[in-house]
């Protein structure tokens, strides 16, 4: 018989902060705080905003079986080649940046903001579901859950989700617990025709930024979800089937801690690599901090990028990059229409993630 469970208004009636959850929280919070601190040591936040969200975009898309390689991803960045998969990943990264901009501009996240993020992801304006027929199926094609079908119910639940997201008087639970609740509720409402999973994963990161636990979106929860994909869907469904929140909350808290620790290592290695590259560049008369920033904002860079960011002529930008390539600081790839230049150590560092 098809399950009949439907989402209720937040906050949940259950006791969320059980002994096991309270025991797990400090480690997750400490890892996030350390991540926030080390991210602040990168001198220009645009370096992290332009490179690291691509990692989350790649992994979040992979959860939906949209697979792309790092080479395809960065080639798309320099507009050398663009596959369908890399376009999807680029849209996710753009949607994440849009969301961060909305949080910073308004200091809250609304139902309309989430619709804008989903629209950026899917490149359509279908908006919130108005037609019935949406079901969630397992890999065998069996219906495991039927989300709310009518638009009035969807919008009532989303309005409540918006309130829970922004109004802390509704619940005094720890923000990480509330993030897990929000993700579960959003996925259970399943408010859009497409892009619910990726929008829900963007919501996770934006909520951490909104609550000041991160300044920029540098937590790759999608990596953890890929590694533990079966558990992800099992724990989500178990809340619906049994009303037991604790396994789901512990799962996501574990994910926060693990991925925060991995991001700390990554950013630390990026910082060391920047220092090494800075020493290399100081041997050139044309060295500048803007040049260093360019080579780390764009693992694959182009003459046009350098021209715009250093405010130099095209011949000057070309001579800088060609000199760095001749000396082995960059790797030049020759193409018929446009050359691009690879910061190979940075590429290898990012590609090592998966």
C-alpha atoms as a PDB file:
ATOM      1  CA  UNK A   1       0.000   0.000   0.000  1.00  0.00           C
ATOM      2  CA  UNK A   2       1.320   3.459  -0.919  1.00  0.00           C
ATOM      3  CA  UNK A   3       2.494   5.511   2.090  1.00  0.00           C
ATOM      4  CA  UNK A   4       0.071   8.281   3.098  1.00  0.00           C
ATOM      5  CA  UNK A   5       2.412  10.394   5.266  1.00  0.00           C
ATOM      6  CA  UNK A   6       2.385  14.113   4.463  1.00  0.00           C
ATOM      7  CA  UNK A   7       4.559  16.923   5.857  1.00  0.00           C
ATOM      8  CA  UNK A   8       3.163  18.968   8.728  1.00  0.00           C
ATOM      9  CA  UNK A   9       3.957  22.527   9.713  1.00  0.00           C
ATOM     10  CA  UNK A  10       7.292  23.255  11.386  1.00  0.00           C
ATOM     11  CA  UNK A  11       8.638  22.993  14.025  1.00  0.00           C
ATOM     12  CA  UNK A  12       8.339  19.226  14.453  1.00  0.00           C
ATOM     13  CA  UNK A  13       6.580  18.064  17.593  1.00  0.00           C
ATOM     14  CA  UNK A  14       9.329  15.498  18.291  1.00  0.00           C
ATOM     15  CA  UNK A  15      12.222  16.089  20.677  1.00  0.00           C
ATOM     16  CA  UNK A  16      15.017  16.754  18.183  1.00  0.00           C
ATOM     17  CA  UNK A  17      17.918  17.473  20.506  1.00  0.00           C
ATOM     18  CA  UNK A  18      18.267  14.025  21.990  1.00  0.00           C
ATOM     19  CA  UNK A  19      21.253  13.032  24.077  1.00  0.00           C
ATOM     20  CA  UNK A  20      23.008  11.543  21.024  1.00  0.00           C
ATOM     21  CA  UNK A  21      22.384  14.680  18.937  1.00  0.00           C
ATOM     22  CA  UNK A  22      23.612  16.994  21.709  1.00  0.00           C
ATOM     23  CA  UNK A  23      26.721  14.842  22.049  1.00  0.00           C
ATOM     24  CA  UNK A  24      27.395  15.097  18.293  1.00  0.00           C
ATOM     25  CA  UNK A  25      26.815  18.850  17.940  1.00  0.00           C
ATOM     26  CA  UNK A  26      30.019  20.277  19.521  1.00  0.00           C
ATOM     27  CA  UNK A  27      32.371  18.532  17.085  1.00  0.00           C
ATOM     28  CA  UNK A  28      30.336  19.679  14.077  1.00  0.00           C
ATOM     29  CA  UNK A  29      30.158  23.253  15.383  1.00  0.00           C
ATOM     30  CA  UNK A  30      33.891  23.300  16.149  1.00  0.00           C
ATOM     31  CA  UNK A  31      34.771  22.059  12.649  1.00  0.00           C
ATOM     32  CA  UNK A  32      32.550  24.724  11.077  1.00  0.00           C
ATOM     33  CA  UNK A  33      34.097  27.456  13.219  1.00  0.00           C
ATOM     34  CA  UNK A  34      37.594  26.351  12.201  1.00  0.00           C
ATOM     35  CA  UNK A  35      36.534  26.287   8.544  1.00  0.00           C
ATOM     36  CA  UNK A  36      35.098  29.798   8.792  1.00  0.00           C
ATOM     37  CA  UNK A  37      38.373  30.983  10.328  1.00  0.00           C
ATOM     38  CA  UNK A  38      40.712  29.444   7.765  1.00  0.00           C
ATOM     39  CA  UNK A  39      38.554  30.676   4.867  1.00  0.00           C
ATOM     40  CA  UNK A  40      39.105  34.211   6.182  1.00  0.00           C
ATOM     41  CA  UNK A  41      42.896  33.777   5.784  1.00  0.00           C
ATOM     42  CA  UNK A  42      42.627  33.721   1.979  1.00  0.00           C
ATOM     43  CA  UNK A  43      43.298  37.390   1.112  1.00  0.00           C
ATOM     44  CA  UNK A  44      40.613  37.763  -1.544  1.00  0.00           C
ATOM     45  CA  UNK A  45      37.335  35.948  -0.927  1.00  0.00           C
ATOM     46  CA  UNK A  46      36.563  35.915  -4.658  1.00  0.00           C
ATOM     47  CA  UNK A  47      39.281  33.247  -5.002  1.00  0.00           C
ATOM     48  CA  UNK A  48      37.195  30.873  -2.890  1.00  0.00           C
ATOM     49  CA  UNK A  49      33.879  32.075  -4.316  1.00  0.00           C
ATOM     50  CA  UNK A  50      35.033  31.450  -7.886  1.00  0.00           C
ATOM     51  CA  UNK A  51      36.726  28.075  -7.423  1.00  0.00           C
ATOM     52  CA  UNK A  52      35.326  26.152  -4.478  1.00  0.00           C
ATOM     53  CA  UNK A  53      31.583  26.425  -5.213  1.00  0.00           C
ATOM     54  CA  UNK A  54      32.375  24.636  -8.482  1.00  0.00           C
ATOM     55  CA  UNK A  55      33.423  21.653  -6.373  1.00  0.00           C
ATOM     56  CA  UNK A  56      30.085  21.625  -4.547  1.00  0.00           C
ATOM     57  CA  UNK A  57      28.291  22.159  -7.870  1.00  0.00           C
ATOM     58  CA  UNK A  58      30.102  19.197  -9.420  1.00  0.00           C
ATOM     59  CA  UNK A  59      29.266  16.912  -6.501  1.00  0.00           C
ATOM     60  CA  UNK A  60      25.679  18.079  -6.051  1.00  0.00           C
ATOM     61  CA  UNK A  61      25.046  17.466  -9.734  1.00  0.00           C
ATOM     62  CA  UNK A  62      26.648  14.026  -9.413  1.00  0.00           C
ATOM     63  CA  UNK A  63      24.035  13.134  -6.777  1.00  0.00           C
ATOM     64  CA  UNK A  64      21.529  13.513  -9.636  1.00  0.00           C
ATOM     65  CA  UNK A  65      23.784  11.387 -11.897  1.00  0.00           C
ATOM     66  CA  UNK A  66      24.974  14.469 -13.808  1.00  0.00           C
ATOM     67  CA  UNK A  67      28.642  13.547 -14.150  1.00  0.00           C
ATOM     68  CA  UNK A  68      31.387  15.855 -15.371  1.00  0.00           C
ATOM     69  CA  UNK A  69      35.166  15.833 -15.066  1.00  0.00           C
ATOM     70  CA  UNK A  70      37.246  18.658 -13.625  1.00  0.00           C
ATOM     71  CA  UNK A  71      38.775  19.231 -17.042  1.00  0.00           C
ATOM     72  CA  UNK A  72      35.338  19.639 -18.638  1.00  0.00           C
ATOM     73  CA  UNK A  73      34.295  21.898 -15.788  1.00  0.00           C
ATOM     74  CA  UNK A  74      37.224  24.292 -16.083  1.00  0.00           C
ATOM     75  CA  UNK A  75      37.188  24.216 -19.888  1.00  0.00           C
ATOM     76  CA  UNK A  76      33.596  25.404 -19.663  1.00  0.00           C
ATOM     77  CA  UNK A  77      34.775  28.209 -17.377  1.00  0.00           C
ATOM     78  CA  UNK A  78      37.073  29.491 -20.121  1.00  0.00           C
ATOM     79  CA  UNK A  79      34.407  28.747 -22.758  1.00  0.00           C
ATOM     80  CA  UNK A  80      36.683  26.368 -24.638  1.00  0.00           C
ATOM     81  CA  UNK A  81      34.313  23.426 -24.582  1.00  0.00           C
ATOM     82  CA  UNK A  82      30.938  22.948 -22.980  1.00  0.00           C
ATOM     83  CA  UNK A  83      29.169  19.635 -22.516  1.00  0.00           C
ATOM     84  CA  UNK A  84      25.602  19.247 -21.291  1.00  0.00           C
ATOM     85  CA  UNK A  85      26.906  18.076 -17.916  1.00  0.00           C
ATOM     86  CA  UNK A  86      29.284  20.999 -17.507  1.00  0.00           C
ATOM     87  CA  UNK A  87      26.432  23.410 -18.319  1.00  0.00           C
ATOM     88  CA  UNK A  88      24.379  21.859 -15.530  1.00  0.00           C
ATOM     89  CA  UNK A  89      27.268  22.260 -13.093  1.00  0.00           C
ATOM     90  CA  UNK A  90      27.831  25.864 -14.173  1.00  0.00           C
ATOM     91  CA  UNK A  91      24.158  26.593 -13.515  1.00  0.00           C
ATOM     92  CA  UNK A  92      24.423  25.126 -10.029  1.00  0.00           C
ATOM     93  CA  UNK A  93      27.469  27.287  -9.245  1.00  0.00           C
ATOM     94  CA  UNK A  94      25.630  30.354 -10.574  1.00  0.00           C
ATOM     95  CA  UNK A  95      22.560  29.496  -8.489  1.00  0.00           C
ATOM     96  CA  UNK A  96      24.705  29.135  -5.373  1.00  0.00           C
ATOM     97  CA  UNK A  97      26.343  32.509  -6.006  1.00  0.00           C
ATOM     98  CA  UNK A  98      22.920  34.045  -6.587  1.00  0.00           C
ATOM     99  CA  UNK A  99      21.730  32.641  -3.268  1.00  0.00           C
ATOM    100  CA  UNK A 100      24.726  34.009  -1.373  1.00  0.00           C
ATOM    101  CA  UNK A 101      24.096  37.405  -2.952  1.00  0.00           C
ATOM    102  CA  UNK A 102      20.443  37.321  -1.869  1.00  0.00           C
ATOM    103  CA  UNK A 103      21.357  36.370   1.703  1.00  0.00           C
ATOM    104  CA  UNK A 104      23.899  39.182   1.902  1.00  0.00           C
ATOM    105  CA  UNK A 105      21.562  41.721   0.332  1.00  0.00           C
ATOM    106  CA  UNK A 106      18.415  40.973   2.314  1.00  0.00           C
ATOM    107  CA  UNK A 107      19.551  39.155   5.461  1.00  0.00           C
ATOM    108  CA  UNK A 108      16.856  36.506   4.993  1.00  0.00           C
ATOM    109  CA  UNK A 109      15.708  33.869   2.523  1.00  0.00           C
ATOM    110  CA  UNK A 110      12.174  33.959   1.164  1.00  0.00           C
ATOM    111  CA  UNK A 111       9.982  31.657  -0.880  1.00  0.00           C
ATOM    112  CA  UNK A 112      10.573  33.982  -3.832  1.00  0.00           C
ATOM    113  CA  UNK A 113      14.348  33.793  -3.352  1.00  0.00           C
ATOM    114  CA  UNK A 114      14.225  29.992  -3.455  1.00  0.00           C
ATOM    115  CA  UNK A 115      12.187  30.207  -6.664  1.00  0.00           C
ATOM    116  CA  UNK A 116      14.857  32.482  -8.185  1.00  0.00           C
ATOM    117  CA  UNK A 117      17.566  29.991  -7.232  1.00  0.00           C
ATOM    118  CA  UNK A 118      15.631  27.099  -8.759  1.00  0.00           C
ATOM    119  CA  UNK A 119      14.970  29.163 -11.895  1.00  0.00           C
ATOM    120  CA  UNK A 120      18.708  29.785 -12.278  1.00  0.00           C
ATOM    121  CA  UNK A 121      19.311  26.047 -11.884  1.00  0.00           C
ATOM    122  CA  UNK A 122      16.704  24.879 -14.365  1.00  0.00           C
ATOM    123  CA  UNK A 123      16.681  27.869 -16.733  1.00  0.00           C
ATOM    124  CA  UNK A 124      12.889  28.006 -16.815  1.00  0.00           C
ATOM    125  CA  UNK A 125      10.173  29.904 -14.989  1.00  0.00           C
ATOM    126  CA  UNK A 126       7.849  26.999 -14.210  1.00  0.00           C
ATOM    127  CA  UNK A 127       7.938  28.023 -10.536  1.00  0.00           C
ATOM    128  CA  UNK A 128       6.165  26.132  -7.783  1.00  0.00           C
ATOM    129  CA  UNK A 129       4.182  23.037  -8.775  1.00  0.00           C
ATOM    130  CA  UNK A 130       0.583  23.635  -9.818  1.00  0.00           C
ATOM    131  CA  UNK A 131      -0.179  20.319 -11.487  1.00  0.00           C
ATOM    132  CA  UNK A 132      -0.585  16.997  -9.616  1.00  0.00           C
ATOM    133  CA  UNK A 133       1.265  13.839 -10.555  1.00  0.00           C
ATOM    134  CA  UNK A 134       4.664  14.211  -8.873  1.00  0.00           C
ATOM    135  CA  UNK A 135       5.906  11.084  -7.071  1.00  0.00           C
ATOM    136  CA  UNK A 136       9.263   9.940  -5.717  1.00  0.00           C
ATOM    137  CA  UNK A 137      10.428   6.494  -6.788  1.00  0.00           C
ATOM    138  CA  UNK A 138      13.249   4.176  -5.816  1.00  0.00           C
ATOM    139  CA  UNK A 139      15.731   2.642  -8.238  1.00  0.00           C
ATOM    140  CA  UNK A 140      13.289  -0.171  -8.994  1.00  0.00           C
ATOM    141  CA  UNK A 141      10.682   2.355 -10.133  1.00  0.00           C
ATOM    142  CA  UNK A 142       8.466   1.808  -7.079  1.00  0.00           C
ATOM    143  CA  UNK A 143       6.701   4.811  -5.576  1.00  0.00           C
ATOM    144  CA  UNK A 144       8.121   5.377  -2.098  1.00  0.00           C
ATOM    145  CA  UNK A 145       6.574   8.764  -1.373  1.00  0.00           C
ATOM    146  CA  UNK A 146       3.960  11.088  -2.842  1.00  0.00           C
ATOM    147  CA  UNK A 147       4.557  14.735  -1.867  1.00  0.00           C
ATOM    148  CA  UNK A 148       1.769  17.303  -1.542  1.00  0.00           C
ATOM    149  CA  UNK A 149      -0.054  17.639  -4.840  1.00  0.00           C
ATOM    150  CA  UNK A 150      -2.065  20.872  -4.745  1.00  0.00           C
ATOM    151  CA  UNK A 151      -0.511  24.314  -5.002  1.00  0.00           C
ATOM    152  CA  UNK A 152      -2.351  25.732  -1.980  1.00  0.00           C
ATOM    153  CA  UNK A 153      -0.860  23.078   0.301  1.00  0.00           C
ATOM    154  CA  UNK A 154       2.593  23.483  -1.233  1.00  0.00           C
ATOM    155  CA  UNK A 155       2.559  27.255  -0.747  1.00  0.00           C
ATOM    156  CA  UNK A 156       1.178  26.987   2.804  1.00  0.00           C
ATOM    157  CA  UNK A 157       4.003  24.607   3.730  1.00  0.00           C
ATOM    158  CA  UNK A 158       6.617  26.744   1.961  1.00  0.00           C
ATOM    159  CA  UNK A 159       5.375  29.847   3.754  1.00  0.00           C
ATOM    160  CA  UNK A 160       5.810  28.004   7.034  1.00  0.00           C
ATOM    161  CA  UNK A 161       9.275  26.818   5.949  1.00  0.00           C
ATOM    162  CA  UNK A 162      10.211  30.442   5.201  1.00  0.00           C
ATOM    163  CA  UNK A 163       9.098  31.446   8.698  1.00  0.00           C
ATOM    164  CA  UNK A 164      11.034  28.610  10.349  1.00  0.00           C
ATOM    165  CA  UNK A 165      14.074  29.500   8.268  1.00  0.00           C
ATOM    166  CA  UNK A 166      14.121  33.170   9.253  1.00  0.00           C
ATOM    167  CA  UNK A 167      12.318  33.477  12.608  1.00  0.00           C
ATOM    168  CA  UNK A 168      14.309  31.938  15.445  1.00  0.00           C
ATOM    169  CA  UNK A 169      11.460  32.501  17.911  1.00  0.00           C
ATOM    170  CA  UNK A 170       9.683  29.590  16.240  1.00  0.00           C
ATOM    171  CA  UNK A 171      12.318  27.158  17.525  1.00  0.00           C
ATOM    172  CA  UNK A 172      15.377  27.453  19.767  1.00  0.00           C
ATOM    173  CA  UNK A 173      17.039  24.356  18.326  1.00  0.00           C
ATOM    174  CA  UNK A 174      20.689  24.574  17.295  1.00  0.00           C
ATOM    175  CA  UNK A 175      21.094  25.990  13.759  1.00  0.00           C
ATOM    176  CA  UNK A 176      22.667  22.734  12.529  1.00  0.00           C
ATOM    177  CA  UNK A 177      19.652  20.801  13.764  1.00  0.00           C
ATOM    178  CA  UNK A 178      17.362  23.327  12.093  1.00  0.00           C
ATOM    179  CA  UNK A 179      19.347  23.015   8.852  1.00  0.00           C
ATOM    180  CA  UNK A 180      18.684  19.269   8.861  1.00  0.00           C
ATOM    181  CA  UNK A 181      14.985  19.871   9.566  1.00  0.00           C
ATOM    182  CA  UNK A 182      14.767  22.446   6.773  1.00  0.00           C
ATOM    183  CA  UNK A 183      16.408  20.095   4.294  1.00  0.00           C
ATOM    184  CA  UNK A 184      14.076  17.252   5.219  1.00  0.00           C
ATOM    185  CA  UNK A 185      11.016  19.503   5.002  1.00  0.00           C
ATOM    186  CA  UNK A 186      12.017  21.040   1.684  1.00  0.00           C
ATOM    187  CA  UNK A 187      12.667  17.645   0.107  1.00  0.00           C
ATOM    188  CA  UNK A 188       9.374  16.348   1.501  1.00  0.00           C
ATOM    189  CA  UNK A 189       7.383  19.282   0.133  1.00  0.00           C
ATOM    190  CA  UNK A 190       9.249  18.798  -3.178  1.00  0.00           C
ATOM    191  CA  UNK A 191       7.854  22.133  -4.315  1.00  0.00           C
ATOM    192  CA  UNK A 192       9.254  22.320  -7.851  1.00  0.00           C
ATOM    193  CA  UNK A 193       8.826  20.139 -10.915  1.00  0.00           C
ATOM    194  CA  UNK A 194      12.619  19.789 -11.243  1.00  0.00           C
ATOM    195  CA  UNK A 195      15.746  20.728  -9.324  1.00  0.00           C
ATOM    196  CA  UNK A 196      14.438  20.017  -5.823  1.00  0.00           C
ATOM    197  CA  UNK A 197      17.485  18.007  -4.721  1.00  0.00           C
ATOM    198  CA  UNK A 198      20.014  20.571  -5.865  1.00  0.00           C
ATOM    199  CA  UNK A 199      17.958  23.509  -4.565  1.00  0.00           C
ATOM    200  CA  UNK A 200      17.686  21.729  -1.219  1.00  0.00           C
ATOM    201  CA  UNK A 201      21.445  21.256  -1.054  1.00  0.00           C
ATOM    202  CA  UNK A 202      21.993  24.925  -1.874  1.00  0.00           C
ATOM    203  CA  UNK A 203      19.549  25.750   0.935  1.00  0.00           C
ATOM    204  CA  UNK A 204      21.803  23.870   3.383  1.00  0.00           C
ATOM    205  CA  UNK A 205      24.803  26.069   2.607  1.00  0.00           C
ATOM    206  CA  UNK A 206      22.816  29.308   2.450  1.00  0.00           C
ATOM    207  CA  UNK A 207      21.309  28.625   5.862  1.00  0.00           C
ATOM    208  CA  UNK A 208      24.794  28.317   7.363  1.00  0.00           C
ATOM    209  CA  UNK A 209      25.754  31.647   5.762  1.00  0.00           C
ATOM    210  CA  UNK A 210      22.494  33.230   6.918  1.00  0.00           C
ATOM    211  CA  UNK A 211      23.140  32.166  10.521  1.00  0.00           C
ATOM    212  CA  UNK A 212      26.765  33.343  10.461  1.00  0.00           C
ATOM    213  CA  UNK A 213      28.275  29.863  10.775  1.00  0.00           C
ATOM    214  CA  UNK A 214      30.042  30.459   7.446  1.00  0.00           C
ATOM    215  CA  UNK A 215      30.857  33.686   5.638  1.00  0.00           C
ATOM    216  CA  UNK A 216      31.191  32.100   2.201  1.00  0.00           C
ATOM    217  CA  UNK A 217      29.836  28.799   0.826  1.00  0.00           C
ATOM    218  CA  UNK A 218      32.798  26.478   1.296  1.00  0.00           C
ATOM    219  CA  UNK A 219      31.160  23.359   2.767  1.00  0.00           C
ATOM    220  CA  UNK A 220      30.782  20.416   0.380  1.00  0.00           C
ATOM    221  CA  UNK A 221      27.992  18.369   1.896  1.00  0.00           C
ATOM    222  CA  UNK A 222      27.228  16.907  -1.519  1.00  0.00           C
ATOM    223  CA  UNK A 223      30.538  15.019  -1.388  1.00  0.00           C
ATOM    224  CA  UNK A 224      29.401  13.302   1.814  1.00  0.00           C
ATOM    225  CA  UNK A 225      25.971  12.567   0.339  1.00  0.00           C
ATOM    226  CA  UNK A 226      27.517  10.932  -2.749  1.00  0.00           C
ATOM    227  CA  UNK A 227      29.664   8.701  -0.557  1.00  0.00           C
ATOM    228  CA  UNK A 228      26.663   7.774   1.556  1.00  0.00           C
ATOM    229  CA  UNK A 229      23.884   8.099  -1.000  1.00  0.00           C
ATOM    230  CA  UNK A 230      21.865   5.064   0.049  1.00  0.00           C
ATOM    231  CA  UNK A 231      21.930   6.203   3.677  1.00  0.00           C
ATOM    232  CA  UNK A 232      20.833   9.699   2.631  1.00  0.00           C
ATOM    233  CA  UNK A 233      17.628   8.474   1.005  1.00  0.00           C
ATOM    234  CA  UNK A 234      17.049   5.821   3.649  1.00  0.00           C
ATOM    235  CA  UNK A 235      17.268   8.291   6.551  1.00  0.00           C
ATOM    236  CA  UNK A 236      15.050  10.842   4.802  1.00  0.00           C
ATOM    237  CA  UNK A 237      12.382   8.227   4.164  1.00  0.00           C
ATOM    238  CA  UNK A 238      12.709   6.774   7.672  1.00  0.00           C
ATOM    239  CA  UNK A 239      11.586  10.080   9.199  1.00  0.00           C
ATOM    240  CA  UNK A 240       8.422   9.843   7.088  1.00  0.00           C
ATOM    241  CA  UNK A 241       7.884   6.154   7.822  1.00  0.00           C
ATOM    242  CA  UNK A 242       8.682   6.074  11.530  1.00  0.00           C
ATOM    243  CA  UNK A 243       8.819   9.651  12.820  1.00  0.00           C
ATOM    244  CA  UNK A 244      12.327   8.948  14.123  1.00  0.00           C
ATOM    245  CA  UNK A 245      14.469  12.060  13.579  1.00  0.00           C
ATOM    246  CA  UNK A 246      17.638  11.063  15.411  1.00  0.00           C
ATOM    247  CA  UNK A 247      19.309   8.903  12.666  1.00  0.00           C
ATOM    248  CA  UNK A 248      18.726  11.633  10.054  1.00  0.00           C
ATOM    249  CA  UNK A 249      20.077  14.360  12.338  1.00  0.00           C
ATOM    250  CA  UNK A 250      23.158  12.322  13.259  1.00  0.00           C
ATOM    251  CA  UNK A 251      23.762  11.542   9.579  1.00  0.00           C
ATOM    252  CA  UNK A 252      23.790  15.210   8.588  1.00  0.00           C
ATOM    253  CA  UNK A 253      25.832  16.321  11.611  1.00  0.00           C
ATOM    254  CA  UNK A 254      28.421  13.696  10.699  1.00  0.00           C
ATOM    255  CA  UNK A 255      28.405  15.058   7.156  1.00  0.00           C
ATOM    256  CA  UNK A 256      28.946  18.625   8.365  1.00  0.00           C
ATOM    257  CA  UNK A 257      31.886  17.629  10.544  1.00  0.00           C
ATOM    258  CA  UNK A 258      33.585  15.415   7.943  1.00  0.00           C
ATOM    259  CA  UNK A 259      33.211  17.810   5.027  1.00  0.00           C
ATOM    260  CA  UNK A 260      34.243  20.806   7.137  1.00  0.00           C
ATOM    261  CA  UNK A 261      37.438  18.965   8.109  1.00  0.00           C
ATOM    262  CA  UNK A 262      38.142  18.118   4.457  1.00  0.00           C
ATOM    263  CA  UNK A 263      37.528  21.744   3.427  1.00  0.00           C
ATOM    264  CA  UNK A 264      39.919  22.960   6.142  1.00  0.00           C
ATOM    265  CA  UNK A 265      42.670  20.776   4.679  1.00  0.00           C
ATOM    266  CA  UNK A 266      41.878  21.897   1.123  1.00  0.00           C
ATOM    267  CA  UNK A 267      41.920  25.613   1.925  1.00  0.00           C
ATOM    268  CA  UNK A 268      45.105  25.187   3.945  1.00  0.00           C
ATOM    269  CA  UNK A 269      46.776  23.545   0.950  1.00  0.00           C
ATOM    270  CA  UNK A 270      45.453  26.287  -1.336  1.00  0.00           C
ATOM    271  CA  UNK A 271      46.953  28.908   0.957  1.00  0.00           C
ATOM    272  CA  UNK A 272      50.347  27.146   0.915  1.00  0.00           C
ATOM    273  CA  UNK A 273      50.194  26.866  -2.862  1.00  0.00           C
ATOM    274  CA  UNK A 274      49.390  30.575  -3.144  1.00  0.00           C
ATOM    275  CA  UNK A 275      52.422  31.413  -1.014  1.00  0.00           C
ATOM    276  CA  UNK A 276      54.653  29.228  -3.191  1.00  0.00           C
ATOM    277  CA  UNK A 277      53.293  30.762  -6.397  1.00  0.00           C
ATOM    278  CA  UNK A 278      53.678  34.249  -4.930  1.00  0.00           C
ATOM    279  CA  UNK A 279      57.394  33.579  -4.398  1.00  0.00           C
ATOM    280  CA  UNK A 280      57.672  32.403  -8.017  1.00  0.00           C
ATOM    281  CA  UNK A 281      55.894  35.469  -9.370  1.00  0.00           C
ATOM    282  CA  UNK A 282      57.956  37.935  -7.372  1.00  0.00           C
ATOM    283  CA  UNK A 283      60.805  37.260  -9.766  1.00  0.00           C
ATOM    284  CA  UNK A 284      58.878  39.029 -12.526  1.00  0.00           C
ATOM    285  CA  UNK A 285      58.705  42.794 -13.027  1.00  0.00           C
ATOM    286  CA  UNK A 286      54.992  42.475 -13.786  1.00  0.00           C
ATOM    287  CA  UNK A 287      54.162  40.704 -10.496  1.00  0.00           C
ATOM    288  CA  UNK A 288      51.087  42.008  -8.675  1.00  0.00           C
ATOM    289  CA  UNK A 289      48.600  40.690  -6.145  1.00  0.00           C
ATOM    290  CA  UNK A 290      45.922  40.970  -8.841  1.00  0.00           C
ATOM    291  CA  UNK A 291      47.942  38.619 -11.066  1.00  0.00           C
ATOM    292  CA  UNK A 292      48.241  36.086  -8.252  1.00  0.00           C
ATOM    293  CA  UNK A 293      44.516  36.370  -7.536  1.00  0.00           C
ATOM    294  CA  UNK A 294      43.698  35.783 -11.203  1.00  0.00           C
ATOM    295  CA  UNK A 295      45.707  32.569 -11.341  1.00  0.00           C
ATOM    296  CA  UNK A 296      43.838  31.214  -8.305  1.00  0.00           C
ATOM    297  CA  UNK A 297      40.364  32.483  -9.195  1.00  0.00           C
ATOM    298  CA  UNK A 298      40.668  30.745 -12.571  1.00  0.00           C
ATOM    299  CA  UNK A 299      42.524  27.395 -12.555  1.00  0.00           C
ATOM    300  CA  UNK A 300      42.138  27.724 -16.327  1.00  0.00           C
ATOM    301  CA  UNK A 301      42.654  31.345 -17.332  1.00  0.00           C
ATOM    302  CA  UNK A 302      42.589  33.296 -20.603  1.00  0.00           C
ATOM    303  CA  UNK A 303      44.131  36.469 -21.959  1.00  0.00           C
ATOM    304  CA  UNK A 304      40.728  38.158 -21.703  1.00  0.00           C
ATOM    305  CA  UNK A 305      40.455  37.343 -17.983  1.00  0.00           C
ATOM    306  CA  UNK A 306      43.872  38.824 -17.247  1.00  0.00           C
ATOM    307  CA  UNK A 307      43.202  41.842 -19.459  1.00  0.00           C
ATOM    308  CA  UNK A 308      39.988  42.658 -17.573  1.00  0.00           C
ATOM    309  CA  UNK A 309      41.238  41.975 -14.051  1.00  0.00           C
ATOM    310  CA  UNK A 310      44.648  43.647 -14.373  1.00  0.00           C
ATOM    311  CA  UNK A 311      43.286  46.425 -16.604  1.00  0.00           C
ATOM    312  CA  UNK A 312      46.075  45.977 -19.152  1.00  0.00           C
ATOM    313  CA  UNK A 313      46.064  45.745 -22.944  1.00  0.00           C
ATOM    314  CA  UNK A 314      45.553  42.444 -24.698  1.00  0.00           C
ATOM    315  CA  UNK A 315      49.176  42.297 -25.956  1.00  0.00           C
ATOM    316  CA  UNK A 316      50.404  42.969 -22.399  1.00  0.00           C
ATOM    317  CA  UNK A 317      48.176  40.279 -20.877  1.00  0.00           C
ATOM    318  CA  UNK A 318      49.272  37.876 -23.613  1.00  0.00           C
ATOM    319  CA  UNK A 319      52.951  38.552 -22.977  1.00  0.00           C
ATOM    320  CA  UNK A 320      52.524  37.973 -19.209  1.00  0.00           C
ATOM    321  CA  UNK A 321      50.813  34.624 -19.675  1.00  0.00           C
ATOM    322  CA  UNK A 322      53.152  33.447 -22.422  1.00  0.00           C
ATOM    323  CA  UNK A 323      56.178  34.295 -20.285  1.00  0.00           C
ATOM    324  CA  UNK A 324      54.744  32.366 -17.322  1.00  0.00           C
ATOM    325  CA  UNK A 325      53.993  29.426 -19.613  1.00  0.00           C
ATOM    326  CA  UNK A 326      57.498  29.505 -21.116  1.00  0.00           C
ATOM    327  CA  UNK A 327      58.966  29.352 -17.604  1.00  0.00           C
ATOM    328  CA  UNK A 328      56.701  26.497 -16.521  1.00  0.00           C
ATOM    329  CA  UNK A 329      54.637  28.461 -14.017  1.00  0.00           C
ATOM    330  CA  UNK A 330      51.568  27.813 -16.195  1.00  0.00           C
ATOM    331  CA  UNK A 331      50.776  25.213 -18.841  1.00  0.00           C
ATOM    332  CA  UNK A 332      49.634  26.644 -22.158  1.00  0.00           C
ATOM    333  CA  UNK A 333      47.066  24.822 -24.263  1.00  0.00           C
ATOM    334  CA  UNK A 334      46.977  25.925 -27.878  1.00  0.00           C
ATOM    335  CA  UNK A 335      43.644  25.929 -29.659  1.00  0.00           C
ATOM    336  CA  UNK A 336      42.531  27.210 -33.040  1.00  0.00           C
ATOM    337  CA  UNK A 337      40.211  29.876 -31.648  1.00  0.00           C
ATOM    338  CA  UNK A 338      41.595  30.657 -28.185  1.00  0.00           C
ATOM    339  CA  UNK A 339      44.480  29.611 -25.981  1.00  0.00           C
ATOM    340  CA  UNK A 340      44.063  28.947 -22.297  1.00  0.00           C
ATOM    341  CA  UNK A 341      46.586  28.663 -19.496  1.00  0.00           C
ATOM    342  CA  UNK A 342      46.397  26.172 -16.635  1.00  0.00           C
ATOM    343  CA  UNK A 343      47.571  26.637 -13.072  1.00  0.00           C
ATOM    344  CA  UNK A 344      48.501  22.950 -12.983  1.00  0.00           C
ATOM    345  CA  UNK A 345      49.259  22.584  -9.242  1.00  0.00           C
ATOM    346  CA  UNK A 346      45.916  24.206  -8.370  1.00  0.00           C
ATOM    347  CA  UNK A 347      44.085  22.048 -10.899  1.00  0.00           C
ATOM    348  CA  UNK A 348      45.667  18.916  -9.463  1.00  0.00           C
ATOM    349  CA  UNK A 349      44.752  19.982  -5.921  1.00  0.00           C
ATOM    350  CA  UNK A 350      41.112  20.524  -6.858  1.00  0.00           C
ATOM    351  CA  UNK A 351      40.927  17.418  -9.052  1.00  0.00           C
ATOM    352  CA  UNK A 352      42.230  15.293  -6.187  1.00  0.00           C
ATOM    353  CA  UNK A 353      38.893  15.879  -4.470  1.00  0.00           C
ATOM    354  CA  UNK A 354      37.180  13.492  -6.841  1.00  0.00           C
END
